[in-house]
Amino acid sequence: MRVISGEWRGRKLIAPKNDATRPTADRTRETLFSMLASRLGSFEGLYVADLFAGSGALGIEALSRGAAHCLFGEQDREAIDALRKNLAALGAAGRADVRARAEVRAGSVLALGPAPRSFDLLLLDAPYATGAGSVALDKLARLGWVDADSWISIETGEKESVDVAGFAIEAERKVGKAKLTLLRTA
């Protein structure tokens, strides 16, 4: 796994060694960020949440492309260790000028409380065939994580559908065994 574009382009990322997480393939990540770039224009200054973060590849990609801040939410201990190592290796942790760009919250995404502010982009890559991404989005919307200008990406298995009350699908694309769904508030 490598960072695709931006400040850290080509840098390697490590994935957790266990089977509890499924890293987003480089090709899928490239497709997702192409879909987002065509709609957002730039990632500069965005406030991003990478939920069900695993190794953090999605949020790290957003930071590499200029996002101002990324909150990473993950509950698997090995994934959190890999995520923290990735952030440290890229200099996104421990340097005074970038430390505030990355925040790791250990625990279930469904246990997150009210947001300190709404996010410009939420990236949800829940385990396939669980519906957890849709359930999380529904809850997070009620807790102030989303506003009218927010973009949401939910990655699911290719045959799954995404349906969350109050959200409209802006785009869907199948990439291998994955399906990427972009949503906005309805």
C-alpha atoms as a PDB file:
ATOM      1  CA  MET A   1       0.000   0.000   0.000  1.00  0.00           C
ATOM      2  CA  ARG A   2       1.266   3.450  -0.936  1.00  0.00           C
ATOM      3  CA  VAL A   3       0.064   7.031  -0.742  1.00  0.00           C
ATOM      4  CA  ILE A   4      -1.193   7.896  -4.229  1.00  0.00           C
ATOM      5  CA  SER A   5      -0.815  11.666  -4.490  1.00  0.00           C
ATOM      6  CA  GLY A   6       0.231  14.842  -2.754  1.00  0.00           C
ATOM      7  CA  GLU A   7       2.883  15.621  -0.149  1.00  0.00           C
ATOM      8  CA  TRP A   8       3.537  11.954   0.721  1.00  0.00           C
ATOM      9  CA  ARG A   9       3.082  10.485  -2.768  1.00  0.00           C
ATOM     10  CA  GLY A  10       4.691   7.067  -3.122  1.00  0.00           C
ATOM     11  CA  ARG A  11       5.331   6.609   0.602  1.00  0.00           C
ATOM     12  CA  LYS A  12       4.630   3.113   1.906  1.00  0.00           C
ATOM     13  CA  LEU A  13       1.920   2.422   4.459  1.00  0.00           C
ATOM     14  CA  ILE A  14       1.777  -0.614   6.691  1.00  0.00           C
ATOM     15  CA  ALA A  15      -1.386  -2.607   7.313  1.00  0.00           C
ATOM     16  CA  PRO A  16      -2.322  -4.501  10.474  1.00  0.00           C
ATOM     17  CA  LYS A  17      -1.116  -8.096  10.433  1.00  0.00           C
ATOM     18  CA  ASN A  18      -4.434  -9.576  11.574  1.00  0.00           C
ATOM     19  CA  ASP A  19      -7.561 -10.282   9.529  1.00  0.00           C
ATOM     20  CA  ALA A  20      -9.791  -7.937  11.564  1.00  0.00           C
ATOM     21  CA  THR A  21      -9.428  -5.154   8.977  1.00  0.00           C
ATOM     22  CA  ARG A  22      -9.508  -5.056   5.182  1.00  0.00           C
ATOM     23  CA  PRO A  23      -7.286  -2.312   3.753  1.00  0.00           C
ATOM     24  CA  THR A  24      -8.748  -0.415   0.807  1.00  0.00           C
ATOM     25  CA  ALA A  25      -6.831  -1.460  -2.312  1.00  0.00           C
ATOM     26  CA  ASP A  26      -4.700   1.195  -4.006  1.00  0.00           C
ATOM     27  CA  ARG A  27      -6.882   1.042  -7.142  1.00  0.00           C
ATOM     28  CA  THR A  28     -10.066   1.544  -5.117  1.00  0.00           C
ATOM     29  CA  ARG A  29      -8.501   4.419  -3.179  1.00  0.00           C
ATOM     30  CA  GLU A  30      -7.335   6.017  -6.425  1.00  0.00           C
ATOM     31  CA  THR A  31     -10.863   5.761  -7.871  1.00  0.00           C
ATOM     32  CA  LEU A  32     -12.414   7.204  -4.718  1.00  0.00           C
ATOM     33  CA  PHE A  33     -10.085  10.200  -4.627  1.00  0.00           C
ATOM     34  CA  SER A  34     -10.603  10.828  -8.322  1.00  0.00           C
ATOM     35  CA  MET A  35     -14.378  10.855  -7.737  1.00  0.00           C
ATOM     36  CA  LEU A  36     -13.950  13.233  -4.806  1.00  0.00           C
ATOM     37  CA  ALA A  37     -11.476  15.543  -6.583  1.00  0.00           C
ATOM     38  CA  SER A  38     -13.872  16.007  -9.500  1.00  0.00           C
ATOM     39  CA  ARG A  39     -16.531  17.187  -7.042  1.00  0.00           C
ATOM     40  CA  LEU A  40     -14.471  19.011  -4.400  1.00  0.00           C
ATOM     41  CA  GLY A  41     -11.799  20.477  -6.658  1.00  0.00           C
ATOM     42  CA  SER A  42      -9.240  20.547  -3.869  1.00  0.00           C
ATOM     43  CA  PHE A  43      -8.717  18.925  -0.494  1.00  0.00           C
ATOM     44  CA  GLU A  44      -6.944  22.041   0.818  1.00  0.00           C
ATOM     45  CA  GLY A  45      -8.135  22.997   4.269  1.00  0.00           C
ATOM     46  CA  LEU A  46     -10.760  20.247   4.583  1.00  0.00           C
ATOM     47  CA  TYR A  47     -11.766  18.805   7.938  1.00  0.00           C
ATOM     48  CA  VAL A  48     -11.911  15.021   7.392  1.00  0.00           C
ATOM     49  CA  ALA A  49     -13.039  11.992   9.423  1.00  0.00           C
ATOM     50  CA  ASP A  50     -11.693   8.547   8.458  1.00  0.00           C
ATOM     51  CA  LEU A  51     -13.970   6.152  10.327  1.00  0.00           C
ATOM     52  CA  PHE A  52     -13.407   2.404  10.526  1.00  0.00           C
ATOM     53  CA  ALA A  53      -9.913   3.698   9.667  1.00  0.00           C
ATOM     54  CA  GLY A  54      -7.837   0.522   9.760  1.00  0.00           C
ATOM     55  CA  SER A  55      -4.331   1.544   8.650  1.00  0.00           C
ATOM     56  CA  GLY A  56      -5.556   5.102   8.029  1.00  0.00           C
ATOM     57  CA  ALA A  57      -4.867   4.965   4.286  1.00  0.00           C
ATOM     58  CA  LEU A  58      -7.950   7.003   3.336  1.00  0.00           C
ATOM     59  CA  GLY A  59      -7.411   9.793   5.854  1.00  0.00           C
ATOM     60  CA  ILE A  60      -3.672   9.853   5.178  1.00  0.00           C
ATOM     61  CA  GLU A  61      -4.417  10.255   1.470  1.00  0.00           C
ATOM     62  CA  ALA A  62      -6.652  13.243   2.282  1.00  0.00           C
ATOM     63  CA  LEU A  63      -3.938  14.783   4.492  1.00  0.00           C
ATOM     64  CA  SER A  64      -1.333  14.205   1.784  1.00  0.00           C
ATOM     65  CA  ARG A  65      -3.564  16.112  -0.640  1.00  0.00           C
ATOM     66  CA  GLY A  66      -3.842  19.095   1.700  1.00  0.00           C
ATOM     67  CA  ALA A  67      -6.610  18.404   4.218  1.00  0.00           C
ATOM     68  CA  ALA A  68      -6.172  20.561   7.318  1.00  0.00           C
ATOM     69  CA  HIS A  69      -7.172  17.880   9.828  1.00  0.00           C
ATOM     70  CA  CYS A  70      -8.206  14.234   9.967  1.00  0.00           C
ATOM     71  CA  LEU A  71      -9.857  12.431  12.836  1.00  0.00           C
ATOM     72  CA  PHE A  72      -9.231   8.678  12.603  1.00  0.00           C
ATOM     73  CA  GLY A  73     -11.698   6.353  14.354  1.00  0.00           C
ATOM     74  CA  GLU A  74     -10.788   2.675  14.817  1.00  0.00           C
ATOM     75  CA  GLN A  75     -11.402   0.018  17.468  1.00  0.00           C
ATOM     76  CA  ASP A  76      -9.013  -2.813  16.511  1.00  0.00           C
ATOM     77  CA  ARG A  77      -5.818  -2.582  18.604  1.00  0.00           C
ATOM     78  CA  GLU A  78      -3.478  -3.881  15.847  1.00  0.00           C
ATOM     79  CA  ALA A  79      -5.019  -1.481  13.332  1.00  0.00           C
ATOM     80  CA  ILE A  80      -4.544   1.430  15.742  1.00  0.00           C
ATOM     81  CA  ASP A  81      -0.885   0.465  16.177  1.00  0.00           C
ATOM     82  CA  ALA A  82      -0.389   0.350  12.377  1.00  0.00           C
ATOM     83  CA  LEU A  83      -2.232   3.673  11.981  1.00  0.00           C
ATOM     84  CA  ARG A  84      -0.070   5.397  14.593  1.00  0.00           C
ATOM     85  CA  LYS A  85       3.091   3.991  12.998  1.00  0.00           C
ATOM     86  CA  ASN A  86       1.969   5.269   9.585  1.00  0.00           C
ATOM     87  CA  LEU A  87       1.292   8.747  10.956  1.00  0.00           C
ATOM     88  CA  ALA A  88       4.650   8.819  12.753  1.00  0.00           C
ATOM     89  CA  ALA A  89       6.561   7.619   9.662  1.00  0.00           C
ATOM     90  CA  LEU A  90       5.002  10.405   7.585  1.00  0.00           C
ATOM     91  CA  GLY A  91       5.716  13.075  10.160  1.00  0.00           C
ATOM     92  CA  ALA A  92       2.026  13.670  10.831  1.00  0.00           C
ATOM     93  CA  ALA A  93       2.587  12.933  14.523  1.00  0.00           C
ATOM     94  CA  GLY A  94       5.120  14.534  16.794  1.00  0.00           C
ATOM     95  CA  ARG A  95       6.013  17.618  14.751  1.00  0.00           C
ATOM     96  CA  ALA A  96       4.647  20.838  16.216  1.00  0.00           C
ATOM     97  CA  ASP A  97       3.610  22.202  12.807  1.00  0.00           C
ATOM     98  CA  VAL A  98       1.536  19.139  11.866  1.00  0.00           C
ATOM     99  CA  ARG A  99       0.640  17.396  15.108  1.00  0.00           C
ATOM    100  CA  ALA A 100      -2.851  18.900  15.176  1.00  0.00           C
ATOM    101  CA  ARG A 101      -3.553  17.591  11.664  1.00  0.00           C
ATOM    102  CA  ALA A 102      -4.129  14.021  12.878  1.00  0.00           C
ATOM    103  CA  GLU A 103      -6.170  12.756  15.816  1.00  0.00           C
ATOM    104  CA  VAL A 104      -6.701   9.061  16.584  1.00  0.00           C
ATOM    105  CA  ARG A 105      -9.757   7.974  18.564  1.00  0.00           C
ATOM    106  CA  ALA A 106      -9.619   4.395  19.766  1.00  0.00           C
ATOM    107  CA  GLY A 107     -13.019   2.763  20.106  1.00  0.00           C
ATOM    108  CA  SER A 108     -16.144   1.934  18.183  1.00  0.00           C
ATOM    109  CA  VAL A 109     -17.309   4.461  15.621  1.00  0.00           C
ATOM    110  CA  LEU A 110     -20.822   3.884  16.963  1.00  0.00           C
ATOM    111  CA  ALA A 111     -19.646   5.092  20.404  1.00  0.00           C
ATOM    112  CA  LEU A 112     -18.481   8.492  19.143  1.00  0.00           C
ATOM    113  CA  GLY A 113     -20.303  11.372  20.770  1.00  0.00           C
ATOM    114  CA  PRO A 114     -21.277  14.798  19.463  1.00  0.00           C
ATOM    115  CA  ALA A 115     -18.836  16.324  16.994  1.00  0.00           C
ATOM    116  CA  PRO A 116     -16.765  19.356  17.964  1.00  0.00           C
ATOM    117  CA  ARG A 117     -17.789  20.696  14.534  1.00  0.00           C
ATOM    118  CA  SER A 118     -19.153  19.260  11.295  1.00  0.00           C
ATOM    119  CA  PHE A 119     -16.758  17.584   8.882  1.00  0.00           C
ATOM    120  CA  ASP A 120     -16.270  18.501   5.238  1.00  0.00           C
ATOM    121  CA  LEU A 121     -15.615  14.868   4.296  1.00  0.00           C
ATOM    122  CA  LEU A 122     -16.471  11.626   6.070  1.00  0.00           C
ATOM    123  CA  LEU A 123     -14.844   8.432   4.821  1.00  0.00           C
ATOM    124  CA  LEU A 124     -16.587   5.300   6.119  1.00  0.00           C
ATOM    125  CA  ASP A 125     -15.034   1.948   5.253  1.00  0.00           C
ATOM    126  CA  ALA A 126     -16.906  -0.428   7.559  1.00  0.00           C
ATOM    127  CA  PRO A 127     -16.635  -4.203   7.362  1.00  0.00           C
ATOM    128  CA  TYR A 128     -18.498  -5.448   4.294  1.00  0.00           C
ATOM    129  CA  ALA A 129     -21.963  -7.027   4.606  1.00  0.00           C
ATOM    130  CA  THR A 130     -22.648  -5.449   8.015  1.00  0.00           C
ATOM    131  CA  GLY A 131     -24.471  -2.233   7.128  1.00  0.00           C
ATOM    132  CA  ALA A 132     -22.321  -0.545   9.793  1.00  0.00           C
ATOM    133  CA  GLY A 133     -21.388   2.364   7.505  1.00  0.00           C
ATOM    134  CA  SER A 134     -25.031   3.332   7.000  1.00  0.00           C
ATOM    135  CA  VAL A 135     -25.857   2.855  10.687  1.00  0.00           C
ATOM    136  CA  ALA A 136     -22.866   4.999  11.687  1.00  0.00           C
ATOM    137  CA  LEU A 137     -23.756   7.762   9.214  1.00  0.00           C
ATOM    138  CA  ASP A 138     -27.325   7.903  10.503  1.00  0.00           C
ATOM    139  CA  LYS A 139     -26.080   8.292  14.095  1.00  0.00           C
ATOM    140  CA  LEU A 140     -23.270  10.734  13.269  1.00  0.00           C
ATOM    141  CA  ALA A 141     -25.653  12.968  11.318  1.00  0.00           C
ATOM    142  CA  ARG A 142     -27.824  13.280  14.436  1.00  0.00           C
ATOM    143  CA  LEU A 143     -24.716  14.154  16.489  1.00  0.00           C
ATOM    144  CA  GLY A 144     -23.592  17.071  14.299  1.00  0.00           C
ATOM    145  CA  TRP A 145     -20.812  15.389  12.312  1.00  0.00           C
ATOM    146  CA  VAL A 146     -22.506  16.291   9.001  1.00  0.00           C
ATOM    147  CA  ASP A 147     -23.933  19.510   7.597  1.00  0.00           C
ATOM    148  CA  ALA A 148     -25.405  20.576   4.242  1.00  0.00           C
ATOM    149  CA  ASP A 149     -21.937  21.028   2.692  1.00  0.00           C
ATOM    150  CA  SER A 150     -20.493  17.682   3.826  1.00  0.00           C
ATOM    151  CA  TRP A 151     -19.494  14.904   1.440  1.00  0.00           C
ATOM    152  CA  ILE A 152     -19.718  11.305   2.611  1.00  0.00           C
ATOM    153  CA  SER A 153     -18.096   8.225   1.123  1.00  0.00           C
ATOM    154  CA  ILE A 154     -19.203   4.757   2.150  1.00  0.00           C
ATOM    155  CA  GLU A 155     -17.289   1.734   0.869  1.00  0.00           C
ATOM    156  CA  THR A 156     -19.242  -1.533   0.779  1.00  0.00           C
ATOM    157  CA  GLY A 157     -19.112  -4.873  -0.966  1.00  0.00           C
ATOM    158  CA  GLU A 158     -20.045  -4.679  -4.658  1.00  0.00           C
ATOM    159  CA  LYS A 159     -23.576  -6.079  -4.173  1.00  0.00           C
ATOM    160  CA  GLU A 160     -24.510  -4.036  -1.092  1.00  0.00           C
ATOM    161  CA  SER A 161     -26.729  -0.982  -1.215  1.00  0.00           C
ATOM    162  CA  VAL A 162     -26.520   2.189   0.838  1.00  0.00           C
ATOM    163  CA  ASP A 163     -29.724   3.843   2.008  1.00  0.00           C
ATOM    164  CA  VAL A 164     -29.628   6.395   4.818  1.00  0.00           C
ATOM    165  CA  ALA A 165     -32.629   8.611   5.571  1.00  0.00           C
ATOM    166  CA  GLY A 166     -31.872  12.259   4.841  1.00  0.00           C
ATOM    167  CA  PHE A 167     -29.073  11.501   2.348  1.00  0.00           C
ATOM    168  CA  ALA A 168     -29.043  11.308  -1.433  1.00  0.00           C
ATOM    169  CA  ILE A 169     -26.612   9.253  -3.499  1.00  0.00           C
ATOM    170  CA  GLU A 170     -24.498  11.526  -5.701  1.00  0.00           C
ATOM    171  CA  ALA A 171     -22.431   8.776  -7.345  1.00  0.00           C
ATOM    172  CA  GLU A 172     -21.702   5.052  -7.158  1.00  0.00           C
ATOM    173  CA  ARG A 173     -18.859   3.140  -8.700  1.00  0.00           C
ATOM    174  CA  LYS A 174     -17.879  -0.535  -8.521  1.00  0.00           C
ATOM    175  CA  VAL A 175     -14.154  -1.253  -8.297  1.00  0.00           C
ATOM    176  CA  GLY A 176     -13.281  -4.943  -8.085  1.00  0.00           C
ATOM    177  CA  LYS A 177     -15.155  -6.395  -5.093  1.00  0.00           C
ATOM    178  CA  ALA A 178     -15.859  -2.939  -3.667  1.00  0.00           C
ATOM    179  CA  LYS A 179     -18.539  -0.351  -4.291  1.00  0.00           C
ATOM    180  CA  LEU A 180     -17.944   3.319  -3.562  1.00  0.00           C
ATOM    181  CA  THR A 181     -20.991   5.451  -2.771  1.00  0.00           C
ATOM    182  CA  LEU A 182     -20.807   9.238  -2.453  1.00  0.00           C
ATOM    183  CA  LEU A 183     -23.638  10.910  -0.563  1.00  0.00           C
ATOM    184  CA  ARG A 184     -24.849  14.402   0.346  1.00  0.00           C
ATOM    185  CA  THR A 185     -27.615  15.551   2.620  1.00  0.00           C
ATOM    186  CA  ALA A 186     -30.976  15.472   0.837  1.00  0.00           C
END
